[in-house]
Amino acid sequence: MANEETAICDFGLHQGEPYSKLPASFLNWMVGNNHQKSHYAEQELQRRQLAATGQLNTQMSNKNV
């Protein structure tokens, strides 16, 4: 999965769904159990936190500079 923004879960109940649509409880489970693809979950949880605090647009603007 080269592009984390479009990463798709490829296992379990949420197979075929983008990580951006997965429940936070599932993402936290992945991180807590050190799942082999937990880096996708960590990135999505971080993205959600930045979005919730209004920092996502600032981060995206800095990447485009």
PDB file of N, CA and C in Angstrom:
ATOM      1  N   MET A   1       0.848  -1.183   0.000  1.00  0.00           N
ATOM      2  CA  MET A   1       0.000   0.000   0.000  1.00  0.00           C
ATOM      3  C   MET A   1       0.886   1.236   0.000  1.00  0.00           C
ATOM      4  N   ALA A   2       1.073   1.788  -1.110  1.00  0.00           N
ATOM      5  CA  ALA A   2       1.996   2.903  -1.254  1.00  0.00           C
ATOM      6  C   ALA A   2       1.440   4.202  -0.705  1.00  0.00           C
ATOM      7  N   ASN A   3       0.146   4.411  -0.816  1.00  0.00           N
ATOM      8  CA  ASN A   3      -0.448   5.673  -0.415  1.00  0.00           C
ATOM      9  C   ASN A   3      -1.297   5.467   0.831  1.00  0.00           C
ATOM     10  N   GLU A   4      -0.831   5.954   1.982  1.00  0.00           N
ATOM     11  CA  GLU A   4      -1.549   5.757   3.237  1.00  0.00           C
ATOM     12  C   GLU A   4      -2.922   6.422   3.234  1.00  0.00           C
ATOM     13  N   GLU A   5      -3.098   7.467   2.424  1.00  0.00           N
ATOM     14  CA  GLU A   5      -4.382   8.156   2.388  1.00  0.00           C
ATOM     15  C   GLU A   5      -5.470   7.260   1.812  1.00  0.00           C
ATOM     16  N   THR A   6      -5.114   6.281   1.018  1.00  0.00           N
ATOM     17  CA  THR A   6      -6.099   5.392   0.422  1.00  0.00           C
ATOM     18  C   THR A   6      -5.874   3.943   0.834  1.00  0.00           C
ATOM     19  N   ALA A   7      -5.155   3.730   1.930  1.00  0.00           N
ATOM     20  CA  ALA A   7      -4.874   2.372   2.399  1.00  0.00           C
ATOM     21  C   ALA A   7      -6.188   1.661   2.732  1.00  0.00           C
ATOM     22  N   ILE A   8      -6.276   0.424   2.314  1.00  0.00           N
ATOM     23  CA  ILE A   8      -7.476  -0.381   2.501  1.00  0.00           C
ATOM     24  C   ILE A   8      -7.154  -1.529   3.454  1.00  0.00           C
ATOM     25  N   CYS A   9      -8.035  -1.733   4.402  1.00  0.00           N
ATOM     26  CA  CYS A   9      -7.889  -2.854   5.330  1.00  0.00           C
ATOM     27  C   CYS A   9      -8.080  -4.150   4.540  1.00  0.00           C
ATOM     28  N   ASP A  10      -7.174  -5.088   4.722  1.00  0.00           N
ATOM     29  CA  ASP A  10      -7.244  -6.316   3.931  1.00  0.00           C
ATOM     30  C   ASP A  10      -7.411  -7.571   4.791  1.00  0.00           C
ATOM     31  N   PHE A  11      -8.059  -7.405   5.946  1.00  0.00           N
ATOM     32  CA  PHE A  11      -8.285  -8.568   6.805  1.00  0.00           C
ATOM     33  C   PHE A  11      -9.510  -8.355   7.677  1.00  0.00           C
ATOM     34  N   GLY A  12     -10.055  -9.430   8.167  1.00  0.00           N
ATOM     35  CA  GLY A  12     -11.107  -9.407   9.168  1.00  0.00           C
ATOM     36  C   GLY A  12     -12.432  -8.776   8.752  1.00  0.00           C
ATOM     37  N   LEU A  13     -13.173  -8.379   9.742  1.00  0.00           N
ATOM     38  CA  LEU A  13     -14.515  -7.832   9.565  1.00  0.00           C
ATOM     39  C   LEU A  13     -14.534  -6.610   8.653  1.00  0.00           C
ATOM     40  N   HIS A  14     -13.493  -5.819   8.671  1.00  0.00           N
ATOM     41  CA  HIS A  14     -13.451  -4.567   7.912  1.00  0.00           C
ATOM     42  C   HIS A  14     -12.674  -4.686   6.598  1.00  0.00           C
ATOM     43  N   GLN A  15     -12.470  -5.896   6.142  1.00  0.00           N
ATOM     44  CA  GLN A  15     -11.739  -6.123   4.890  1.00  0.00           C
ATOM     45  C   GLN A  15     -12.408  -5.344   3.760  1.00  0.00           C
ATOM     46  N   GLY A  16     -11.580  -4.639   2.986  1.00  0.00           N
ATOM     47  CA  GLY A  16     -12.077  -3.875   1.847  1.00  0.00           C
ATOM     48  C   GLY A  16     -12.449  -2.439   2.167  1.00  0.00           C
ATOM     49  N   GLU A  17     -12.419  -2.070   3.438  1.00  0.00           N
ATOM     50  CA  GLU A  17     -12.765  -0.709   3.846  1.00  0.00           C
ATOM     51  C   GLU A  17     -11.502   0.131   4.010  1.00  0.00           C
ATOM     52  N   PRO A  18     -11.574   1.413   3.635  1.00  0.00           N
ATOM     53  CA  PRO A  18     -10.412   2.286   3.864  1.00  0.00           C
ATOM     54  C   PRO A  18     -10.213   2.529   5.363  1.00  0.00           C
ATOM     55  N   TYR A  19      -8.984   2.678   5.764  1.00  0.00           N
ATOM     56  CA  TYR A  19      -8.692   2.924   7.180  1.00  0.00           C
ATOM     57  C   TYR A  19      -9.390   4.189   7.677  1.00  0.00           C
ATOM     58  N   SER A  20      -9.628   5.134   6.793  1.00  0.00           N
ATOM     59  CA  SER A  20     -10.296   6.377   7.191  1.00  0.00           C
ATOM     60  C   SER A  20     -11.749   6.153   7.587  1.00  0.00           C
ATOM     61  N   LYS A  21     -12.314   4.995   7.269  1.00  0.00           N
ATOM     62  CA  LYS A  21     -13.708   4.685   7.607  1.00  0.00           C
ATOM     63  C   LYS A  21     -13.840   3.689   8.758  1.00  0.00           C
ATOM     64  N   LEU A  22     -12.712   3.178   9.257  1.00  0.00           N
ATOM     65  CA  LEU A  22     -12.777   2.171  10.317  1.00  0.00           C
ATOM     66  C   LEU A  22     -13.084   2.810  11.667  1.00  0.00           C
ATOM     67  N   PRO A  23     -13.788   2.090  12.533  1.00  0.00           N
ATOM     68  CA  PRO A  23     -14.061   2.616  13.877  1.00  0.00           C
ATOM     69  C   PRO A  23     -12.776   2.820  14.673  1.00  0.00           C
ATOM     70  N   ALA A  24     -12.760   3.851  15.476  1.00  0.00           N
ATOM     71  CA  ALA A  24     -11.588   4.135  16.314  1.00  0.00           C
ATOM     72  C   ALA A  24     -11.278   2.948  17.228  1.00  0.00           C
ATOM     73  N   SER A  25     -12.304   2.250  17.681  1.00  0.00           N
ATOM     74  CA  SER A  25     -12.072   1.102  18.566  1.00  0.00           C
ATOM     75  C   SER A  25     -11.257   0.020  17.854  1.00  0.00           C
ATOM     76  N   PHE A  26     -11.516  -0.179  16.583  1.00  0.00           N
ATOM     77  CA  PHE A  26     -10.766  -1.175  15.811  1.00  0.00           C
ATOM     78  C   PHE A  26      -9.331  -0.709  15.606  1.00  0.00           C
ATOM     79  N   LEU A  27      -9.152   0.571  15.285  1.00  0.00           N
ATOM     80  CA  LEU A  27      -7.807   1.115  15.102  1.00  0.00           C
ATOM     81  C   LEU A  27      -7.008   1.019  16.399  1.00  0.00           C
ATOM     82  N   ASN A  28      -7.648   1.352  17.511  1.00  0.00           N
ATOM     83  CA  ASN A  28      -6.978   1.254  18.815  1.00  0.00           C
ATOM     84  C   ASN A  28      -6.641  -0.193  19.151  1.00  0.00           C
ATOM     85  N   TRP A  29      -7.514  -1.113  18.788  1.00  0.00           N
ATOM     86  CA  TRP A  29      -7.236  -2.537  18.997  1.00  0.00           C
ATOM     87  C   TRP A  29      -5.981  -2.942  18.228  1.00  0.00           C
ATOM     88  N   MET A  30      -5.888  -2.497  16.969  1.00  0.00           N
ATOM     89  CA  MET A  30      -4.715  -2.820  16.152  1.00  0.00           C
ATOM     90  C   MET A  30      -3.438  -2.312  16.809  1.00  0.00           C
ATOM     91  N   VAL A  31      -3.465  -1.076  17.278  1.00  0.00           N
ATOM     92  CA  VAL A  31      -2.283  -0.488  17.910  1.00  0.00           C
ATOM     93  C   VAL A  31      -1.969  -1.217  19.215  1.00  0.00           C
ATOM     94  N   GLY A  32      -2.980  -1.443  20.030  1.00  0.00           N
ATOM     95  CA  GLY A  32      -2.788  -2.081  21.329  1.00  0.00           C
ATOM     96  C   GLY A  32      -2.257  -3.500  21.243  1.00  0.00           C
ATOM     97  N   ASN A  33      -2.576  -4.180  20.145  1.00  0.00           N
ATOM     98  CA  ASN A  33      -2.120  -5.560  19.953  1.00  0.00           C
ATOM     99  C   ASN A  33      -0.899  -5.649  19.047  1.00  0.00           C
ATOM    100  N   ASN A  34      -0.322  -4.491  18.732  1.00  0.00           N
ATOM    101  CA  ASN A  34       0.866  -4.438  17.882  1.00  0.00           C
ATOM    102  C   ASN A  34       0.677  -5.258  16.603  1.00  0.00           C
ATOM    103  N   HIS A  35      -0.487  -5.062  15.987  1.00  0.00           N
ATOM    104  CA  HIS A  35      -0.796  -5.750  14.734  1.00  0.00           C
ATOM    105  C   HIS A  35       0.247  -5.388  13.683  1.00  0.00           C
ATOM    106  N   GLN A  36       0.526  -6.308  12.782  1.00  0.00           N
ATOM    107  CA  GLN A  36       1.571  -6.067  11.783  1.00  0.00           C
ATOM    108  C   GLN A  36       1.279  -4.859  10.899  1.00  0.00           C
ATOM    109  N   LYS A  37       0.034  -4.418  10.819  1.00  0.00           N
ATOM    110  CA  LYS A  37      -0.313  -3.235  10.027  1.00  0.00           C
ATOM    111  C   LYS A  37      -0.767  -2.086  10.918  1.00  0.00           C
ATOM    112  N   SER A  38      -0.316  -2.104  12.165  1.00  0.00           N
ATOM    113  CA  SER A  38      -0.747  -1.062  13.109  1.00  0.00           C
ATOM    114  C   SER A  38      -0.266   0.325  12.714  1.00  0.00           C
ATOM    115  N   HIS A  39       0.765   0.421  11.870  1.00  0.00           N
ATOM    116  CA  HIS A  39       1.228   1.747  11.447  1.00  0.00           C
ATOM    117  C   HIS A  39       0.140   2.486  10.674  1.00  0.00           C
ATOM    118  N   TYR A  40      -0.688   1.756   9.923  1.00  0.00           N
ATOM    119  CA  TYR A  40      -1.807   2.400   9.233  1.00  0.00           C
ATOM    120  C   TYR A  40      -2.817   2.938  10.247  1.00  0.00           C
ATOM    121  N   ALA A  41      -3.072   2.153  11.275  1.00  0.00           N
ATOM    122  CA  ALA A  41      -4.004   2.565  12.320  1.00  0.00           C
ATOM    123  C   ALA A  41      -3.470   3.788  13.067  1.00  0.00           C
ATOM    124  N   GLU A  42      -2.181   3.772  13.394  1.00  0.00           N
ATOM    125  CA  GLU A  42      -1.575   4.913  14.095  1.00  0.00           C
ATOM    126  C   GLU A  42      -1.672   6.180  13.256  1.00  0.00           C
ATOM    127  N   GLN A  43      -1.399   6.070  11.966  1.00  0.00           N
ATOM    128  CA  GLN A  43      -1.470   7.234  11.086  1.00  0.00           C
ATOM    129  C   GLN A  43      -2.894   7.777  11.004  1.00  0.00           C
ATOM    130  N   GLU A  44      -3.866   6.880  10.923  1.00  0.00           N
ATOM    131  CA  GLU A  44      -5.256   7.326  10.845  1.00  0.00           C
ATOM    132  C   GLU A  44      -5.706   7.959  12.149  1.00  0.00           C
ATOM    133  N   LEU A  45      -5.334   7.384  13.279  1.00  0.00           N
ATOM    134  CA  LEU A  45      -5.695   7.978  14.567  1.00  0.00           C
ATOM    135  C   LEU A  45      -5.065   9.359  14.717  1.00  0.00           C
ATOM    136  N   GLN A  46      -3.832   9.510  14.270  1.00  0.00           N
ATOM    137  CA  GLN A  46      -3.174  10.813  14.330  1.00  0.00           C
ATOM    138  C   GLN A  46      -3.882  11.807  13.415  1.00  0.00           C
ATOM    139  N   ARG A  47      -4.263  11.367  12.220  1.00  0.00           N
ATOM    140  CA  ARG A  47      -4.976  12.242  11.291  1.00  0.00           C
ATOM    141  C   ARG A  47      -6.289  12.720  11.906  1.00  0.00           C
ATOM    142  N   ARG A  48      -7.003  11.817  12.557  1.00  0.00           N
ATOM    143  CA  ARG A  48      -8.272  12.182  13.189  1.00  0.00           C
ATOM    144  C   ARG A  48      -8.065  13.174  14.324  1.00  0.00           C
ATOM    145  N   GLN A  49      -7.012  12.978  15.106  1.00  0.00           N
ATOM    146  CA  GLN A  49      -6.734  13.892  16.207  1.00  0.00           C
ATOM    147  C   GLN A  49      -6.410  15.289  15.667  1.00  0.00           C
ATOM    148  N   LEU A  50      -5.607  15.363  14.631  1.00  0.00           N
ATOM    149  CA  LEU A  50      -5.275  16.654  14.030  1.00  0.00           C
ATOM    150  C   LEU A  50      -6.520  17.317  13.459  1.00  0.00           C
ATOM    151  N   ALA A  51      -7.380  16.540  12.833  1.00  0.00           N
ATOM    152  CA  ALA A  51      -8.614  17.090  12.269  1.00  0.00           C
ATOM    153  C   ALA A  51      -9.530  17.612  13.376  1.00  0.00           C
ATOM    154  N   ALA A  52      -9.611  16.879  14.474  1.00  0.00           N
ATOM    155  CA  ALA A  52     -10.489  17.270  15.576  1.00  0.00           C
ATOM    156  C   ALA A  52     -10.016  18.536  16.278  1.00  0.00           C
ATOM    157  N   THR A  53      -8.719  18.779  16.256  1.00  0.00           N
ATOM    158  CA  THR A  53      -8.169  19.955  16.929  1.00  0.00           C
ATOM    159  C   THR A  53      -7.919  21.109  15.967  1.00  0.00           C
ATOM    160  N   GLY A  54      -8.320  20.927  14.715  1.00  0.00           N
ATOM    161  CA  GLY A  54      -8.159  21.983  13.730  1.00  0.00           C
ATOM    162  C   GLY A  54      -6.749  22.147  13.219  1.00  0.00           C
ATOM    163  N   GLN A  55      -5.891  21.200  13.497  1.00  0.00           N
ATOM    164  CA  GLN A  55      -4.490  21.294  13.091  1.00  0.00           C
ATOM    165  C   GLN A  55      -4.208  20.604  11.766  1.00  0.00           C
ATOM    166  N   LEU A  56      -5.177  19.877  11.239  1.00  0.00           N
ATOM    167  CA  LEU A  56      -4.956  19.123  10.017  1.00  0.00           C
ATOM    168  C   LEU A  56      -4.666  20.052   8.844  1.00  0.00           C
ATOM    169  N   ASN A  57      -5.419  21.125   8.701  1.00  0.00           N
ATOM    170  CA  ASN A  57      -5.204  22.050   7.596  1.00  0.00           C
ATOM    171  C   ASN A  57      -3.835  22.711   7.701  1.00  0.00           C
ATOM    172  N   THR A  58      -3.396  22.997   8.911  1.00  0.00           N
ATOM    173  CA  THR A  58      -2.078  23.604   9.117  1.00  0.00           C
ATOM    174  C   THR A  58      -0.994  22.631   8.682  1.00  0.00           C
ATOM    175  N   GLN A  59      -1.117  21.371   9.055  1.00  0.00           N
ATOM    176  CA  GLN A  59      -0.137  20.339   8.695  1.00  0.00           C
ATOM    177  C   GLN A  59      -0.093  20.178   7.172  1.00  0.00           C
ATOM    178  N   MET A  60      -1.266  20.158   6.540  1.00  0.00           N
ATOM    179  CA  MET A  60      -1.326  19.977   5.096  1.00  0.00           C
ATOM    180  C   MET A  60      -0.724  21.172   4.381  1.00  0.00           C
ATOM    181  N   SER A  61      -0.943  22.373   4.892  1.00  0.00           N
ATOM    182  CA  SER A  61      -0.374  23.584   4.289  1.00  0.00           C
ATOM    183  C   SER A  61       1.133  23.562   4.359  1.00  0.00           C
ATOM    184  N   ASN A  62       1.677  23.097   5.468  1.00  0.00           N
ATOM    185  CA  ASN A  62       3.131  23.034   5.634  1.00  0.00           C
ATOM    186  C   ASN A  62       3.754  22.029   4.673  1.00  0.00           C
ATOM    187  N   LYS A  63       3.068  20.965   4.337  1.00  0.00           N
ATOM    188  CA  LYS A  63       3.592  19.967   3.411  1.00  0.00           C
ATOM    189  C   LYS A  63       3.635  20.520   1.993  1.00  0.00           C
ATOM    190  N   ASN A  64       2.732  21.425   1.673  1.00  0.00           N
ATOM    191  CA  ASN A  64       2.662  21.976   0.323  1.00  0.00           C
ATOM    192  C   ASN A  64       3.644  23.109   0.093  1.00  0.00           C
ATOM    193  N   VAL A  65       4.333  23.554   1.144  1.00  0.00           N
ATOM    194  CA  VAL A  65       5.275  24.669   1.007  1.00  0.00           C
ATOM    195  C   VAL A  65       6.611  24.184   0.513  1.00  0.00           C
TER     196      VAL A  65
END
